[in-house]
Amino acid sequence: MTGALGILIPVSLGMGLVGLATFFWAMRKGQFEDPEGNAWRVITPQDPPSDEGHDNDDLAADPADRDPARRL
């Protein structure tokens, strides 16, 4: 039991120090400067599609689904 604790305690302390060092490295590199801006840039479309709102779906698997005059 003592042998396992002699290995696990230094390993866990080492992993904690690596995590702390990584956190401080990310702080220095500016990884946490603008967390909200990047999230909204993913959601907001830069170039919206020009054919938005059309009923025709050229990528439909079934040919009957490609006909815009067919209604449900």
PDB file of N, CA and C in Angstrom:
ATOM      1  N   MET A   1       0.834  -1.196   0.000  1.00  0.00           N
ATOM      2  CA  MET A   1       0.000   0.000   0.000  1.00  0.00           C
ATOM      3  C   MET A   1       0.874   1.253   0.000  1.00  0.00           C
ATOM      4  N   THR A   2       1.948   1.216   0.776  1.00  0.00           N
ATOM      5  CA  THR A   2       2.824   2.381   0.865  1.00  0.00           C
ATOM      6  C   THR A   2       3.512   2.650  -0.469  1.00  0.00           C
ATOM      7  N   GLY A   3       3.832   1.579  -1.207  1.00  0.00           N
ATOM      8  CA  GLY A   3       4.485   1.747  -2.507  1.00  0.00           C
ATOM      9  C   GLY A   3       3.580   2.444  -3.508  1.00  0.00           C
ATOM     10  N   ALA A   4       2.295   2.100  -3.480  1.00  0.00           N
ATOM     11  CA  ALA A   4       1.351   2.719  -4.409  1.00  0.00           C
ATOM     12  C   ALA A   4       1.173   4.199  -4.094  1.00  0.00           C
ATOM     13  N   LEU A   5       1.079   4.527  -2.804  1.00  0.00           N
ATOM     14  CA  LEU A   5       0.940   5.940  -2.436  1.00  0.00           C
ATOM     15  C   LEU A   5       2.209   6.719  -2.743  1.00  0.00           C
ATOM     16  N   GLY A   6       3.345   6.056  -2.639  1.00  0.00           N
ATOM     17  CA  GLY A   6       4.614   6.712  -2.964  1.00  0.00           C
ATOM     18  C   GLY A   6       4.719   7.075  -4.434  1.00  0.00           C
ATOM     19  N   ILE A   7       3.975   6.374  -5.266  1.00  0.00           N
ATOM     20  CA  ILE A   7       3.969   6.670  -6.702  1.00  0.00           C
ATOM     21  C   ILE A   7       2.813   7.611  -7.047  1.00  0.00           C
ATOM     22  N   LEU A   8       1.633   7.361  -6.499  1.00  0.00           N
ATOM     23  CA  LEU A   8       0.448   8.115  -6.884  1.00  0.00           C
ATOM     24  C   LEU A   8       0.471   9.564  -6.395  1.00  0.00           C
ATOM     25  N   ILE A   9       0.979   9.805  -5.206  1.00  0.00           N
ATOM     26  CA  ILE A   9       1.005  11.176  -4.681  1.00  0.00           C
ATOM     27  C   ILE A   9       1.910  12.077  -5.519  1.00  0.00           C
ATOM     28  N   PRO A  10       3.155  11.700  -5.837  1.00  0.00           N
ATOM     29  CA  PRO A  10       3.966  12.574  -6.700  1.00  0.00           C
ATOM     30  C   PRO A  10       3.385  12.733  -8.114  1.00  0.00           C
ATOM     31  N   VAL A  11       2.778  11.662  -8.637  1.00  0.00           N
ATOM     32  CA  VAL A  11       2.172  11.758  -9.974  1.00  0.00           C
ATOM     33  C   VAL A  11       1.014  12.739  -9.957  1.00  0.00           C
ATOM     34  N   SER A  12       0.169  12.674  -8.929  1.00  0.00           N
ATOM     35  CA  SER A  12      -0.968  13.594  -8.865  1.00  0.00           C
ATOM     36  C   SER A  12      -0.506  15.035  -8.643  1.00  0.00           C
ATOM     37  N   LEU A  13       0.502  15.227  -7.825  1.00  0.00           N
ATOM     38  CA  LEU A  13       1.039  16.584  -7.642  1.00  0.00           C
ATOM     39  C   LEU A  13       1.657  17.099  -8.939  1.00  0.00           C
ATOM     40  N   GLY A  14       2.341  16.237  -9.656  1.00  0.00           N
ATOM     41  CA  GLY A  14       2.922  16.637 -10.945  1.00  0.00           C
ATOM     42  C   GLY A  14       1.855  17.009 -11.962  1.00  0.00           C
ATOM     43  N   MET A  15       0.776  16.226 -12.005  1.00  0.00           N
ATOM     44  CA  MET A  15      -0.312  16.545 -12.935  1.00  0.00           C
ATOM     45  C   MET A  15      -0.978  17.867 -12.561  1.00  0.00           C
ATOM     46  N   GLY A  16      -1.129  18.124 -11.278  1.00  0.00           N
ATOM     47  CA  GLY A  16      -1.700  19.399 -10.846  1.00  0.00           C
ATOM     48  C   GLY A  16      -0.817  20.572 -11.230  1.00  0.00           C
ATOM     49  N   LEU A  17       0.502  20.407 -11.089  1.00  0.00           N
ATOM     50  CA  LEU A  17       1.428  21.477 -11.478  1.00  0.00           C
ATOM     51  C   LEU A  17       1.422  21.709 -12.982  1.00  0.00           C
ATOM     52  N   VAL A  18       1.309  20.628 -13.755  1.00  0.00           N
ATOM     53  CA  VAL A  18       1.220  20.782 -15.212  1.00  0.00           C
ATOM     54  C   VAL A  18      -0.053  21.535 -15.581  1.00  0.00           C
ATOM     55  N   GLY A  19      -1.166  21.213 -14.941  1.00  0.00           N
ATOM     56  CA  GLY A  19      -2.417  21.918 -15.214  1.00  0.00           C
ATOM     57  C   GLY A  19      -2.347  23.381 -14.828  1.00  0.00           C
ATOM     58  N   LEU A  20      -1.725  23.671 -13.694  1.00  0.00           N
ATOM     59  CA  LEU A  20      -1.564  25.062 -13.258  1.00  0.00           C
ATOM     60  C   LEU A  20      -0.663  25.836 -14.206  1.00  0.00           C
ATOM     61  N   ALA A  21       0.420  25.207 -14.642  1.00  0.00           N
ATOM     62  CA  ALA A  21       1.322  25.856 -15.596  1.00  0.00           C
ATOM     63  C   ALA A  21       0.624  26.111 -16.926  1.00  0.00           C
ATOM     64  N   THR A  22      -0.194  25.174 -17.364  1.00  0.00           N
ATOM     65  CA  THR A  22      -0.948  25.359 -18.613  1.00  0.00           C
ATOM     66  C   THR A  22      -1.947  26.500 -18.486  1.00  0.00           C
ATOM     67  N   PHE A  23      -2.586  26.614 -17.338  1.00  0.00           N
ATOM     68  CA  PHE A  23      -3.532  27.706 -17.109  1.00  0.00           C
ATOM     69  C   PHE A  23      -2.818  29.058 -17.175  1.00  0.00           C
ATOM     70  N   PHE A  24      -1.671  29.176 -16.511  1.00  0.00           N
ATOM     71  CA  PHE A  24      -0.937  30.448 -16.543  1.00  0.00           C
ATOM     72  C   PHE A  24      -0.407  30.747 -17.938  1.00  0.00           C
ATOM     73  N   TRP A  25      -0.007  29.712 -18.687  1.00  0.00           N
ATOM     74  CA  TRP A  25       0.432  29.925 -20.063  1.00  0.00           C
ATOM     75  C   TRP A  25      -0.722  30.472 -20.909  1.00  0.00           C
ATOM     76  N   ALA A  26      -1.926  29.917 -20.735  1.00  0.00           N
ATOM     77  CA  ALA A  26      -3.086  30.385 -21.491  1.00  0.00           C
ATOM     78  C   ALA A  26      -3.440  31.819 -21.100  1.00  0.00           C
ATOM     79  N   MET A  27      -3.281  32.168 -19.834  1.00  0.00           N
ATOM     80  CA  MET A  27      -3.547  33.548 -19.410  1.00  0.00           C
ATOM     81  C   MET A  27      -2.582  34.520 -20.083  1.00  0.00           C
ATOM     82  N   ARG A  28      -1.316  34.165 -20.164  1.00  0.00           N
ATOM     83  CA  ARG A  28      -0.315  35.048 -20.788  1.00  0.00           C
ATOM     84  C   ARG A  28      -0.520  35.194 -22.293  1.00  0.00           C
ATOM     85  N   LYS A  29      -0.988  34.133 -22.935  1.00  0.00           N
ATOM     86  CA  LYS A  29      -1.186  34.158 -24.387  1.00  0.00           C
ATOM     87  C   LYS A  29      -2.506  34.801 -24.796  1.00  0.00           C
ATOM     88  N   GLY A  30      -3.329  35.211 -23.831  1.00  0.00           N
ATOM     89  CA  GLY A  30      -4.565  35.911 -24.142  1.00  0.00           C
ATOM     90  C   GLY A  30      -5.709  35.007 -24.565  1.00  0.00           C
ATOM     91  N   GLN A  31      -5.729  33.777 -24.098  1.00  0.00           N
ATOM     92  CA  GLN A  31      -6.780  32.851 -24.484  1.00  0.00           C
ATOM     93  C   GLN A  31      -8.136  33.200 -23.878  1.00  0.00           C
ATOM     94  N   PHE A  32      -8.147  33.989 -22.820  1.00  0.00           N
ATOM     95  CA  PHE A  32      -9.389  34.315 -22.129  1.00  0.00           C
ATOM     96  C   PHE A  32      -9.774  35.783 -22.299  1.00  0.00           C
ATOM     97  N   GLU A  33      -9.272  36.441 -23.321  1.00  0.00           N
ATOM     98  CA  GLU A  33      -9.527  37.871 -23.515  1.00  0.00           C
ATOM     99  C   GLU A  33     -10.967  38.159 -23.944  1.00  0.00           C
ATOM    100  N   ASP A  34     -11.487  37.416 -24.919  1.00  0.00           N
ATOM    101  CA  ASP A  34     -12.812  37.706 -25.471  1.00  0.00           C
ATOM    102  C   ASP A  34     -13.603  36.419 -25.653  1.00  0.00           C
ATOM    103  N   PRO A  35     -14.067  35.799 -24.568  1.00  0.00           N
ATOM    104  CA  PRO A  35     -14.786  34.534 -24.737  1.00  0.00           C
ATOM    105  C   PRO A  35     -16.160  34.699 -25.370  1.00  0.00           C
ATOM    106  N   GLU A  36     -16.835  35.804 -25.163  1.00  0.00           N
ATOM    107  CA  GLU A  36     -18.168  36.008 -25.734  1.00  0.00           C
ATOM    108  C   GLU A  36     -18.101  36.324 -27.226  1.00  0.00           C
ATOM    109  N   GLY A  37     -17.105  37.061 -27.657  1.00  0.00           N
ATOM    110  CA  GLY A  37     -17.002  37.446 -29.063  1.00  0.00           C
ATOM    111  C   GLY A  37     -16.849  36.263 -29.990  1.00  0.00           C
ATOM    112  N   ASN A  38     -15.996  35.319 -29.618  1.00  0.00           N
ATOM    113  CA  ASN A  38     -15.802  34.140 -30.455  1.00  0.00           C
ATOM    114  C   ASN A  38     -17.062  33.297 -30.519  1.00  0.00           C
ATOM    115  N   ALA A  39     -17.796  33.211 -29.435  1.00  0.00           N
ATOM    116  CA  ALA A  39     -19.030  32.424 -29.431  1.00  0.00           C
ATOM    117  C   ALA A  39     -20.060  33.036 -30.382  1.00  0.00           C
ATOM    118  N   TRP A  40     -20.182  34.331 -30.411  1.00  0.00           N
ATOM    119  CA  TRP A  40     -21.175  34.967 -31.293  1.00  0.00           C
ATOM    120  C   TRP A  40     -20.724  34.962 -32.743  1.00  0.00           C
ATOM    121  N   ARG A  41     -19.409  34.969 -33.007  1.00  0.00           N
ATOM    122  CA  ARG A  41     -18.930  34.907 -34.392  1.00  0.00           C
ATOM    123  C   ARG A  41     -19.259  33.575 -35.033  1.00  0.00           C
ATOM    124  N   VAL A  42     -19.347  32.506 -34.253  1.00  0.00           N
ATOM    125  CA  VAL A  42     -19.701  31.202 -34.804  1.00  0.00           C
ATOM    126  C   VAL A  42     -21.172  31.186 -35.197  1.00  0.00           C
ATOM    127  N   ILE A  43     -22.025  31.827 -34.415  1.00  0.00           N
ATOM    128  CA  ILE A  43     -23.468  31.799 -34.651  1.00  0.00           C
ATOM    129  C   ILE A  43     -23.873  32.762 -35.766  1.00  0.00           C
ATOM    130  N   THR A  44     -23.280  33.928 -35.838  1.00  0.00           N
ATOM    131  CA  THR A  44     -23.655  34.958 -36.807  1.00  0.00           C
ATOM    132  C   THR A  44     -23.102  34.609 -38.187  1.00  0.00           C
ATOM    133  N   PRO A  45     -23.947  34.511 -39.214  1.00  0.00           N
ATOM    134  CA  PRO A  45     -23.439  34.192 -40.551  1.00  0.00           C
ATOM    135  C   PRO A  45     -22.736  35.400 -41.171  1.00  0.00           C
ATOM    136  N   GLN A  46     -21.574  35.167 -41.742  1.00  0.00           N
ATOM    137  CA  GLN A  46     -20.832  36.231 -42.409  1.00  0.00           C
ATOM    138  C   GLN A  46     -21.399  36.493 -43.812  1.00  0.00           C
ATOM    139  N   ASP A  47     -21.633  35.431 -44.565  1.00  0.00           N
ATOM    140  CA  ASP A  47     -22.190  35.529 -45.916  1.00  0.00           C
ATOM    141  C   ASP A  47     -23.451  34.668 -45.973  1.00  0.00           C
ATOM    142  N   PRO A  48     -24.631  35.263 -45.732  1.00  0.00           N
ATOM    143  CA  PRO A  48     -25.845  34.454 -45.766  1.00  0.00           C
ATOM    144  C   PRO A  48     -26.095  33.930 -47.175  1.00  0.00           C
ATOM    145  N   PRO A  49     -26.700  32.762 -47.324  1.00  0.00           N
ATOM    146  CA  PRO A  49     -26.957  32.207 -48.649  1.00  0.00           C
ATOM    147  C   PRO A  49     -27.906  33.088 -49.447  1.00  0.00           C
ATOM    148  N   SER A  50     -27.667  33.184 -50.750  1.00  0.00           N
ATOM    149  CA  SER A  50     -28.481  34.064 -51.588  1.00  0.00           C
ATOM    150  C   SER A  50     -29.851  33.455 -51.901  1.00  0.00           C
ATOM    151  N   ASP A  51     -29.978  32.139 -51.815  1.00  0.00           N
ATOM    152  CA  ASP A  51     -31.246  31.494 -52.151  1.00  0.00           C
ATOM    153  C   ASP A  51     -32.029  31.100 -50.903  1.00  0.00           C
ATOM    154  N   GLU A  52     -31.858  31.811 -49.849  1.00  0.00           N
ATOM    155  CA  GLU A  52     -32.555  31.492 -48.606  1.00  0.00           C
ATOM    156  C   GLU A  52     -34.051  31.727 -48.761  1.00  0.00           C
ATOM    157  N   GLY A  53     -34.846  30.764 -48.337  1.00  0.00           N
ATOM    158  CA  GLY A  53     -36.285  30.901 -48.388  1.00  0.00           C
ATOM    159  C   GLY A  53     -36.941  30.216 -49.572  1.00  0.00           C
ATOM    160  N   HIS A  54     -36.176  29.656 -50.501  1.00  0.00           N
ATOM    161  CA  HIS A  54     -36.757  28.961 -51.642  1.00  0.00           C
ATOM    162  C   HIS A  54     -37.228  27.567 -51.216  1.00  0.00           C
ATOM    163  N   ASP A  55     -38.292  27.068 -51.894  1.00  0.00           N
ATOM    164  CA  ASP A  55     -38.856  25.764 -51.567  1.00  0.00           C
ATOM    165  C   ASP A  55     -38.110  24.618 -52.233  1.00  0.00           C
ATOM    166  N   ASN A  56     -37.351  24.878 -53.291  1.00  0.00           N
ATOM    167  CA  ASN A  56     -36.692  23.827 -54.043  1.00  0.00           C
ATOM    168  C   ASN A  56     -35.450  23.348 -53.292  1.00  0.00           C
ATOM    169  N   ASP A  57     -35.342  22.033 -53.125  1.00  0.00           N
ATOM    170  CA  ASP A  57     -34.190  21.455 -52.446  1.00  0.00           C
ATOM    171  C   ASP A  57     -33.458  20.555 -53.426  1.00  0.00           C
ATOM    172  N   ASP A  58     -32.379  21.050 -54.019  1.00  0.00           N
ATOM    173  CA  ASP A  58     -31.631  20.279 -55.008  1.00  0.00           C
ATOM    174  C   ASP A  58     -30.881  19.116 -54.384  1.00  0.00           C
ATOM    175  N   LEU A  59     -30.682  19.130 -53.078  1.00  0.00           N
ATOM    176  CA  LEU A  59     -29.938  18.070 -52.423  1.00  0.00           C
ATOM    177  C   LEU A  59     -30.835  16.989 -51.845  1.00  0.00           C
ATOM    178  N   ALA A  60     -32.125  17.021 -52.136  1.00  0.00           N
ATOM    179  CA  ALA A  60     -33.051  16.022 -51.597  1.00  0.00           C
ATOM    180  C   ALA A  60     -32.726  14.651 -52.182  1.00  0.00           C
ATOM    181  N   ALA A  61     -32.825  13.627 -51.345  1.00  0.00           N
ATOM    182  CA  ALA A  61     -32.485  12.271 -51.785  1.00  0.00           C
ATOM    183  C   ALA A  61     -33.540  11.698 -52.726  1.00  0.00           C
ATOM    184  N   ASP A  62     -34.793  11.966 -52.469  1.00  0.00           N
ATOM    185  CA  ASP A  62     -35.874  11.428 -53.275  1.00  0.00           C
ATOM    186  C   ASP A  62     -36.238  12.439 -54.370  1.00  0.00           C
ATOM    187  N   PRO A  63     -36.297  12.018 -55.651  1.00  0.00           N
ATOM    188  CA  PRO A  63     -36.636  12.973 -56.712  1.00  0.00           C
ATOM    189  C   PRO A  63     -37.993  13.639 -56.514  1.00  0.00           C
ATOM    190  N   ALA A  64     -38.934  12.965 -55.850  1.00  0.00           N
ATOM    191  CA  ALA A  64     -40.249  13.573 -55.622  1.00  0.00           C
ATOM    192  C   ALA A  64     -40.144  14.751 -54.655  1.00  0.00           C
ATOM    193  N   ASP A  65     -39.145  14.726 -53.805  1.00  0.00           N
ATOM    194  CA  ASP A  65     -38.970  15.831 -52.858  1.00  0.00           C
ATOM    195  C   ASP A  65     -38.358  17.073 -53.509  1.00  0.00           C
ATOM    196  N   ARG A  66     -37.857  16.950 -54.741  1.00  0.00           N
ATOM    197  CA  ARG A  66     -37.244  18.090 -55.411  1.00  0.00           C
ATOM    198  C   ARG A  66     -38.277  18.992 -56.097  1.00  0.00           C
ATOM    199  N   ASP A  67     -39.493  18.519 -56.231  1.00  0.00           N
ATOM    200  CA  ASP A  67     -40.525  19.275 -56.932  1.00  0.00           C
ATOM    201  C   ASP A  67     -41.141  20.309 -55.986  1.00  0.00           C
ATOM    202  N   PRO A  68     -40.931  21.618 -56.259  1.00  0.00           N
ATOM    203  CA  PRO A  68     -41.449  22.635 -55.350  1.00  0.00           C
ATOM    204  C   PRO A  68     -42.978  22.768 -55.412  1.00  0.00           C
ATOM    205  N   ALA A  69     -43.624  22.274 -56.500  1.00  0.00           N
ATOM    206  CA  ALA A  69     -45.076  22.397 -56.623  1.00  0.00           C
ATOM    207  C   ALA A  69     -45.788  21.332 -55.800  1.00  0.00           C
ATOM    208  N   ARG A  70     -45.104  20.295 -55.422  1.00  0.00           N
ATOM    209  CA  ARG A  70     -45.720  19.224 -54.624  1.00  0.00           C
ATOM    210  C   ARG A  70     -45.902  19.710 -53.197  1.00  0.00           C
ATOM    211  N   ARG A  71     -47.098  19.687 -52.733  1.00  0.00           N
ATOM    212  CA  ARG A  71     -47.405  20.153 -51.386  1.00  0.00           C
ATOM    213  C   ARG A  71     -47.759  18.984 -50.484  1.00  0.00           C
ATOM    214  N   LEU A  72     -47.612  19.149 -49.225  1.00  0.00           N
ATOM    215  CA  LEU A  72     -47.960  18.093 -48.269  1.00  0.00           C
ATOM    216  C   LEU A  72     -49.434  18.083 -47.979  1.00  0.00           C
TER     217      LEU A  72
END
